[in-house]
Amino acid sequence: MNSAVHLGFALSLLLGGTAVAQIIPAQAIASIRNGGDRAVFAKAGYKLLDGWSYRGMWWVSHDDHGAFAARGVHGQTIWIDPAADMVIDRFASNPVAGNAANDPTSLPAYRAVADYLMAQQFVGSGTKRLLDDL
């Protein structure tokens, strides 16, 4: 678990956080976070992902947190919520191939964790404190 948290922390830094050197160019990050064409995405029929888009291997929620994710077919997820200063690395092996089996519980759970973290005093500077506590 410790390595998963470190991976998430490192990924948040790579994706434009406060690392000494930003590894992925800001323009590439902005392109991913802007997402793709929502109207085109809507035609794909992902009923649980209303308002979302897909761009550069990333699923973009376009929610008020600016959350986006890398998603595997059996529930594996790297969920990034910039507003909550949060990355969740979910290692999963759901027997059903398709995120529609996970999304009804996983997506609200990610948001609930983000909302909880945002209500705490350590948001914005807490990531390092959380890692130090592990």
N, C-alpha and C. Protein backbone atom coordinates (compact mmCIF):
# COMPACT_ATOMS: atom_id res chain seq x y z
N MET A 1 0.81 -1.19 0.00
CA MET A 1 0.00 0.00 0.00
C MET A 1 0.85 1.25 0.00
N ASN A 2 1.92 1.24 0.76
CA ASN A 2 2.80 2.39 0.84
C ASN A 2 3.30 2.80 -0.55
N SER A 3 3.69 1.81 -1.37
CA SER A 3 4.20 2.14 -2.70
C SER A 3 3.09 2.71 -3.58
N ALA A 4 1.85 2.26 -3.39
CA ALA A 4 0.74 2.81 -4.17
C ALA A 4 0.52 4.28 -3.84
N VAL A 5 0.60 4.63 -2.57
CA VAL A 5 0.44 6.02 -2.16
C VAL A 5 1.57 6.85 -2.75
N HIS A 6 2.78 6.34 -2.69
CA HIS A 6 3.91 7.07 -3.26
C HIS A 6 3.75 7.23 -4.77
N LEU A 7 3.23 6.19 -5.44
CA LEU A 7 2.98 6.29 -6.88
C LEU A 7 1.99 7.41 -7.16
N GLY A 8 0.91 7.44 -6.40
CA GLY A 8 -0.09 8.49 -6.58
C GLY A 8 0.48 9.87 -6.33
N PHE A 9 1.28 10.00 -5.27
CA PHE A 9 1.90 11.28 -4.95
C PHE A 9 2.84 11.69 -6.09
N ALA A 10 3.64 10.75 -6.56
CA ALA A 10 4.56 11.05 -7.66
C ALA A 10 3.79 11.44 -8.91
N LEU A 11 2.70 10.73 -9.19
CA LEU A 11 1.91 11.03 -10.37
C LEU A 11 1.32 12.43 -10.27
N SER A 12 0.84 12.81 -9.08
CA SER A 12 0.29 14.15 -8.93
C SER A 12 1.35 15.20 -9.18
N LEU A 13 2.58 14.93 -8.76
CA LEU A 13 3.67 15.86 -9.03
C LEU A 13 4.00 15.92 -10.51
N LEU A 14 4.01 14.76 -11.15
CA LEU A 14 4.32 14.71 -12.57
C LEU A 14 3.27 15.44 -13.40
N LEU A 15 2.05 15.43 -12.91
CA LEU A 15 0.95 16.05 -13.66
C LEU A 15 0.73 17.50 -13.27
N GLY A 16 1.81 18.18 -12.94
CA GLY A 16 1.72 19.62 -12.73
C GLY A 16 1.70 20.06 -11.29
N GLY A 17 2.09 19.18 -10.39
CA GLY A 17 2.13 19.53 -8.97
C GLY A 17 3.30 20.43 -8.66
N THR A 18 3.80 20.32 -7.45
CA THR A 18 4.84 21.24 -7.00
C THR A 18 6.21 20.58 -6.94
N ALA A 19 6.47 19.66 -7.84
CA ALA A 19 7.77 19.01 -7.89
C ALA A 19 8.84 20.03 -8.29
N VAL A 20 10.07 19.70 -8.01
CA VAL A 20 11.17 20.59 -8.37
C VAL A 20 11.18 20.85 -9.87
N ALA A 21 10.95 19.82 -10.65
CA ALA A 21 10.89 19.97 -12.10
C ALA A 21 9.65 19.26 -12.61
N GLN A 22 8.86 19.95 -13.38
CA GLN A 22 7.67 19.33 -13.96
C GLN A 22 8.12 18.46 -15.12
N ILE A 23 7.76 17.19 -15.08
CA ILE A 23 8.23 16.24 -16.08
C ILE A 23 7.37 16.25 -17.34
N ILE A 24 6.06 16.31 -17.19
CA ILE A 24 5.16 16.35 -18.34
C ILE A 24 4.86 17.82 -18.62
N PRO A 25 5.03 18.25 -19.87
CA PRO A 25 4.82 19.68 -20.19
C PRO A 25 3.42 20.15 -19.81
N ALA A 26 3.34 21.37 -19.33
CA ALA A 26 2.07 21.96 -18.90
C ALA A 26 1.04 21.94 -20.02
N GLN A 27 1.48 22.13 -21.25
CA GLN A 27 0.56 22.13 -22.40
C GLN A 27 -0.09 20.75 -22.57
N ALA A 28 0.67 19.69 -22.35
CA ALA A 28 0.11 18.33 -22.45
C ALA A 28 -0.90 18.09 -21.34
N ILE A 29 -0.60 18.54 -20.14
CA ILE A 29 -1.51 18.39 -19.01
C ILE A 29 -2.81 19.14 -19.29
N ALA A 30 -2.68 20.36 -19.76
CA ALA A 30 -3.87 21.17 -20.06
C ALA A 30 -4.72 20.49 -21.13
N SER A 31 -4.10 19.91 -22.12
CA SER A 31 -4.83 19.22 -23.18
C SER A 31 -5.62 18.04 -22.63
N ILE A 32 -5.00 17.26 -21.77
CA ILE A 32 -5.69 16.12 -21.16
C ILE A 32 -6.85 16.62 -20.30
N ARG A 33 -6.58 17.58 -19.43
CA ARG A 33 -7.60 18.06 -18.50
C ARG A 33 -8.75 18.75 -19.20
N ASN A 34 -8.51 19.34 -20.36
CA ASN A 34 -9.60 19.94 -21.13
C ASN A 34 -10.53 18.87 -21.70
N GLY A 35 -9.99 17.67 -21.87
CA GLY A 35 -10.81 16.56 -22.35
C GLY A 35 -11.09 16.62 -23.83
N GLY A 36 -11.91 15.70 -24.26
CA GLY A 36 -12.28 15.61 -25.67
C GLY A 36 -13.65 16.23 -25.92
N ASP A 37 -14.19 15.92 -27.06
CA ASP A 37 -15.49 16.44 -27.48
C ASP A 37 -16.59 15.68 -26.73
N ARG A 38 -17.30 16.37 -25.87
CA ARG A 38 -18.33 15.72 -25.06
C ARG A 38 -19.49 15.19 -25.91
N ALA A 39 -19.82 15.89 -26.96
CA ALA A 39 -20.92 15.44 -27.83
C ALA A 39 -20.56 14.13 -28.52
N VAL A 40 -19.33 14.01 -28.98
CA VAL A 40 -18.88 12.77 -29.60
C VAL A 40 -18.85 11.65 -28.57
N PHE A 41 -18.35 11.94 -27.37
CA PHE A 41 -18.29 10.95 -26.31
C PHE A 41 -19.69 10.46 -25.94
N ALA A 42 -20.66 11.38 -25.89
CA ALA A 42 -22.03 11.01 -25.53
C ALA A 42 -22.60 9.96 -26.47
N LYS A 43 -22.19 9.99 -27.72
CA LYS A 43 -22.68 9.02 -28.69
C LYS A 43 -22.20 7.60 -28.41
N ALA A 44 -21.17 7.46 -27.59
CA ALA A 44 -20.65 6.13 -27.25
C ALA A 44 -21.58 5.38 -26.32
N GLY A 45 -22.49 6.10 -25.66
CA GLY A 45 -23.50 5.45 -24.84
C GLY A 45 -23.09 5.07 -23.43
N TYR A 46 -22.07 5.73 -22.88
CA TYR A 46 -21.67 5.48 -21.49
C TYR A 46 -22.65 6.21 -20.58
N LYS A 47 -23.75 5.56 -20.24
CA LYS A 47 -24.83 6.21 -19.49
C LYS A 47 -24.39 6.68 -18.11
N LEU A 48 -23.44 5.99 -17.50
CA LEU A 48 -22.98 6.38 -16.17
C LEU A 48 -21.96 7.51 -16.21
N LEU A 49 -21.53 7.90 -17.40
CA LEU A 49 -20.50 8.93 -17.55
C LEU A 49 -21.05 10.14 -18.31
N ASP A 50 -22.24 10.55 -17.94
CA ASP A 50 -22.89 11.69 -18.58
C ASP A 50 -22.06 12.95 -18.39
N GLY A 51 -21.76 13.63 -19.47
CA GLY A 51 -20.98 14.86 -19.41
C GLY A 51 -19.48 14.66 -19.46
N TRP A 52 -19.03 13.42 -19.52
CA TRP A 52 -17.61 13.12 -19.55
C TRP A 52 -17.07 13.20 -20.97
N SER A 53 -15.75 13.04 -21.09
CA SER A 53 -15.10 12.90 -22.39
C SER A 53 -13.85 12.04 -22.20
N TYR A 54 -13.18 11.77 -23.32
CA TYR A 54 -12.00 10.92 -23.32
C TYR A 54 -10.96 11.58 -24.20
N ARG A 55 -9.72 11.63 -23.68
CA ARG A 55 -8.65 12.25 -24.47
C ARG A 55 -7.30 11.74 -23.99
N GLY A 56 -6.50 11.30 -24.92
CA GLY A 56 -5.13 10.90 -24.61
C GLY A 56 -5.03 9.80 -23.56
N MET A 57 -5.91 8.84 -23.61
CA MET A 57 -5.95 7.71 -22.68
C MET A 57 -6.50 8.09 -21.30
N TRP A 58 -7.07 9.26 -21.17
CA TRP A 58 -7.62 9.72 -19.90
C TRP A 58 -9.11 9.98 -20.04
N TRP A 59 -9.85 9.59 -19.01
CA TRP A 59 -11.29 9.81 -18.90
C TRP A 59 -11.47 11.09 -18.08
N VAL A 60 -12.18 12.07 -18.64
CA VAL A 60 -12.27 13.39 -18.01
C VAL A 60 -13.72 13.63 -17.59
N SER A 61 -13.91 13.89 -16.29
CA SER A 61 -15.27 14.01 -15.75
C SER A 61 -15.94 15.35 -16.04
N HIS A 62 -15.16 16.40 -16.19
CA HIS A 62 -15.67 17.76 -16.37
C HIS A 62 -16.54 18.17 -15.18
N ASP A 63 -16.28 17.59 -14.01
CA ASP A 63 -17.03 17.98 -12.82
C ASP A 63 -16.41 19.23 -12.20
N ASP A 64 -16.99 19.71 -11.12
CA ASP A 64 -16.51 20.94 -10.51
C ASP A 64 -15.17 20.77 -9.79
N HIS A 65 -14.68 19.54 -9.69
CA HIS A 65 -13.35 19.29 -9.12
C HIS A 65 -12.29 19.15 -10.21
N GLY A 66 -12.70 19.04 -11.47
CA GLY A 66 -11.75 18.82 -12.55
C GLY A 66 -11.14 17.43 -12.52
N ALA A 67 -11.88 16.46 -11.97
CA ALA A 67 -11.35 15.10 -11.81
C ALA A 67 -11.19 14.40 -13.15
N PHE A 68 -10.13 13.59 -13.23
CA PHE A 68 -9.90 12.77 -14.42
C PHE A 68 -9.22 11.49 -14.00
N ALA A 69 -9.25 10.49 -14.89
CA ALA A 69 -8.79 9.16 -14.47
C ALA A 69 -8.23 8.35 -15.63
N ALA A 70 -7.28 7.50 -15.28
CA ALA A 70 -6.86 6.40 -16.16
C ALA A 70 -7.61 5.18 -15.64
N ARG A 71 -8.24 4.41 -16.53
CA ARG A 71 -9.10 3.34 -16.09
C ARG A 71 -8.79 2.05 -16.84
N GLY A 72 -8.72 0.96 -16.09
CA GLY A 72 -8.55 -0.36 -16.67
C GLY A 72 -9.89 -1.07 -16.73
N VAL A 73 -10.01 -2.06 -17.56
CA VAL A 73 -11.29 -2.72 -17.83
C VAL A 73 -11.84 -3.50 -16.63
N HIS A 74 -11.00 -3.90 -15.71
CA HIS A 74 -11.46 -4.66 -14.54
C HIS A 74 -11.50 -3.81 -13.27
N GLY A 75 -11.58 -2.50 -13.41
CA GLY A 75 -11.72 -1.62 -12.26
C GLY A 75 -10.46 -0.93 -11.80
N GLN A 76 -9.32 -1.25 -12.41
CA GLN A 76 -8.09 -0.56 -12.03
C GLN A 76 -8.26 0.92 -12.38
N THR A 77 -7.86 1.78 -11.47
CA THR A 77 -8.08 3.21 -11.69
C THR A 77 -6.99 4.03 -11.04
N ILE A 78 -6.57 5.07 -11.74
CA ILE A 78 -5.81 6.15 -11.13
C ILE A 78 -6.72 7.36 -11.22
N TRP A 79 -7.29 7.75 -10.10
CA TRP A 79 -8.27 8.84 -10.03
C TRP A 79 -7.57 10.09 -9.50
N ILE A 80 -7.59 11.15 -10.27
CA ILE A 80 -6.93 12.40 -9.89
C ILE A 80 -8.00 13.47 -9.70
N ASP A 81 -8.05 14.03 -8.50
CA ASP A 81 -9.00 15.09 -8.18
C ASP A 81 -8.18 16.31 -7.76
N PRO A 82 -7.92 17.21 -8.70
CA PRO A 82 -7.09 18.37 -8.40
C PRO A 82 -7.65 19.27 -7.29
N ALA A 83 -8.95 19.43 -7.25
CA ALA A 83 -9.54 20.31 -6.24
C ALA A 83 -9.30 19.79 -4.83
N ALA A 84 -9.28 18.48 -4.68
CA ALA A 84 -9.07 17.86 -3.36
C ALA A 84 -7.61 17.54 -3.11
N ASP A 85 -6.74 17.85 -4.08
CA ASP A 85 -5.32 17.52 -3.95
C ASP A 85 -5.18 16.03 -3.65
N MET A 86 -5.88 15.21 -4.45
CA MET A 86 -6.01 13.79 -4.15
C MET A 86 -5.77 12.93 -5.37
N VAL A 87 -5.04 11.83 -5.15
CA VAL A 87 -4.90 10.78 -6.15
C VAL A 87 -5.25 9.47 -5.47
N ILE A 88 -6.13 8.70 -6.10
CA ILE A 88 -6.46 7.36 -5.62
C ILE A 88 -5.95 6.36 -6.64
N ASP A 89 -5.16 5.41 -6.18
CA ASP A 89 -4.71 4.30 -7.03
C ASP A 89 -5.53 3.09 -6.62
N ARG A 90 -6.38 2.63 -7.49
CA ARG A 90 -7.23 1.47 -7.17
C ARG A 90 -6.72 0.27 -7.96
N PHE A 91 -6.25 -0.71 -7.22
CA PHE A 91 -5.82 -1.96 -7.83
C PHE A 91 -6.98 -2.93 -7.68
N ALA A 92 -7.58 -3.31 -8.78
CA ALA A 92 -8.79 -4.13 -8.72
C ALA A 92 -8.70 -5.28 -9.69
N SER A 93 -9.55 -6.23 -9.48
CA SER A 93 -9.68 -7.35 -10.40
C SER A 93 -11.12 -7.82 -10.37
N ASN A 94 -12.01 -6.95 -10.82
CA ASN A 94 -13.41 -7.30 -10.87
C ASN A 94 -13.61 -8.39 -11.92
N PRO A 95 -14.38 -9.42 -11.61
CA PRO A 95 -14.57 -10.50 -12.58
C PRO A 95 -15.34 -10.07 -13.82
N VAL A 96 -16.04 -8.93 -13.73
CA VAL A 96 -16.79 -8.43 -14.87
C VAL A 96 -15.92 -7.43 -15.62
N ALA A 97 -15.64 -7.73 -16.89
CA ALA A 97 -14.82 -6.83 -17.71
C ALA A 97 -15.69 -5.67 -18.18
N GLY A 98 -15.50 -4.54 -17.58
CA GLY A 98 -16.26 -3.35 -17.95
C GLY A 98 -16.47 -2.49 -16.72
N ASN A 99 -16.15 -1.23 -16.82
CA ASN A 99 -16.27 -0.35 -15.67
C ASN A 99 -17.71 -0.07 -15.27
N ALA A 100 -18.65 -0.36 -16.14
CA ALA A 100 -20.06 -0.16 -15.78
C ALA A 100 -20.42 -1.00 -14.56
N ALA A 101 -19.69 -2.08 -14.32
CA ALA A 101 -19.93 -2.91 -13.13
C ALA A 101 -19.42 -2.24 -11.86
N ASN A 102 -18.42 -1.38 -11.98
CA ASN A 102 -17.80 -0.71 -10.83
C ASN A 102 -18.29 0.72 -10.63
N ASP A 103 -18.62 1.40 -11.70
CA ASP A 103 -18.89 2.83 -11.63
C ASP A 103 -20.00 3.23 -10.66
N PRO A 104 -21.09 2.47 -10.53
CA PRO A 104 -22.14 2.91 -9.61
C PRO A 104 -21.68 3.03 -8.16
N THR A 105 -20.65 2.30 -7.78
CA THR A 105 -20.12 2.42 -6.41
C THR A 105 -18.80 3.17 -6.37
N SER A 106 -17.94 2.93 -7.33
CA SER A 106 -16.60 3.55 -7.30
C SER A 106 -16.64 5.06 -7.49
N LEU A 107 -17.36 5.54 -8.49
CA LEU A 107 -17.34 6.97 -8.76
C LEU A 107 -17.87 7.80 -7.59
N PRO A 108 -19.01 7.42 -6.98
CA PRO A 108 -19.44 8.17 -5.79
C PRO A 108 -18.46 8.03 -4.62
N ALA A 109 -17.80 6.89 -4.52
CA ALA A 109 -16.83 6.69 -3.42
C ALA A 109 -15.64 7.62 -3.60
N TYR A 110 -15.13 7.74 -4.82
CA TYR A 110 -14.01 8.66 -5.05
C TYR A 110 -14.41 10.08 -4.67
N ARG A 111 -15.60 10.48 -5.07
CA ARG A 111 -16.07 11.84 -4.77
C ARG A 111 -16.27 12.02 -3.26
N ALA A 112 -16.78 11.01 -2.59
CA ALA A 112 -16.98 11.10 -1.14
C ALA A 112 -15.65 11.28 -0.41
N VAL A 113 -14.63 10.56 -0.85
CA VAL A 113 -13.31 10.71 -0.24
C VAL A 113 -12.78 12.12 -0.50
N ALA A 114 -12.95 12.61 -1.71
CA ALA A 114 -12.51 13.97 -2.04
C ALA A 114 -13.24 15.00 -1.19
N ASP A 115 -14.55 14.86 -1.07
CA ASP A 115 -15.32 15.81 -0.26
C ASP A 115 -14.87 15.78 1.19
N TYR A 116 -14.62 14.58 1.71
CA TYR A 116 -14.14 14.46 3.09
C TYR A 116 -12.78 15.16 3.25
N LEU A 117 -11.87 14.89 2.34
CA LEU A 117 -10.55 15.51 2.43
C LEU A 117 -10.63 17.03 2.35
N MET A 118 -11.50 17.51 1.49
CA MET A 118 -11.62 18.96 1.33
C MET A 118 -12.18 19.62 2.59
N ALA A 119 -12.90 18.87 3.39
CA ALA A 119 -13.46 19.41 4.62
C ALA A 119 -12.43 19.43 5.76
N GLN A 120 -11.30 18.78 5.56
CA GLN A 120 -10.26 18.69 6.58
C GLN A 120 -9.29 19.85 6.45
N GLN A 121 -8.53 20.10 7.48
CA GLN A 121 -7.59 21.23 7.49
C GLN A 121 -6.35 20.99 6.66
N PHE A 122 -6.04 19.73 6.32
CA PHE A 122 -4.78 19.48 5.65
C PHE A 122 -4.85 19.58 4.13
N VAL A 123 -5.99 19.89 3.55
CA VAL A 123 -6.09 19.98 2.09
C VAL A 123 -5.17 21.09 1.59
N GLY A 124 -4.47 20.80 0.54
CA GLY A 124 -3.56 21.75 -0.08
C GLY A 124 -2.13 21.57 0.40
N SER A 125 -1.96 21.24 1.65
CA SER A 125 -0.61 21.00 2.16
C SER A 125 -0.52 19.63 2.83
N GLY A 126 -1.61 18.89 2.76
CA GLY A 126 -1.68 17.65 3.52
C GLY A 126 -1.08 16.45 2.87
N THR A 127 -0.86 16.47 1.57
CA THR A 127 -0.35 15.28 0.91
C THR A 127 0.95 14.82 1.54
N LYS A 128 1.89 15.72 1.75
CA LYS A 128 3.15 15.34 2.37
C LYS A 128 2.93 14.85 3.79
N ARG A 129 2.07 15.52 4.55
CA ARG A 129 1.78 15.07 5.92
C ARG A 129 1.18 13.69 5.92
N LEU A 130 0.29 13.42 4.98
CA LEU A 130 -0.31 12.09 4.91
C LEU A 130 0.74 11.03 4.62
N LEU A 131 1.64 11.34 3.70
CA LEU A 131 2.71 10.39 3.37
C LEU A 131 3.64 10.18 4.55
N ASP A 132 3.93 11.24 5.28
CA ASP A 132 4.81 11.12 6.44
C ASP A 132 4.19 10.23 7.52
N ASP A 133 2.86 10.21 7.59
CA ASP A 133 2.18 9.41 8.59
C ASP A 133 2.15 7.91 8.23
N LEU A 134 2.42 7.58 6.99
CA LEU A 134 2.34 6.17 6.56
C LEU A 134 3.55 5.38 6.96
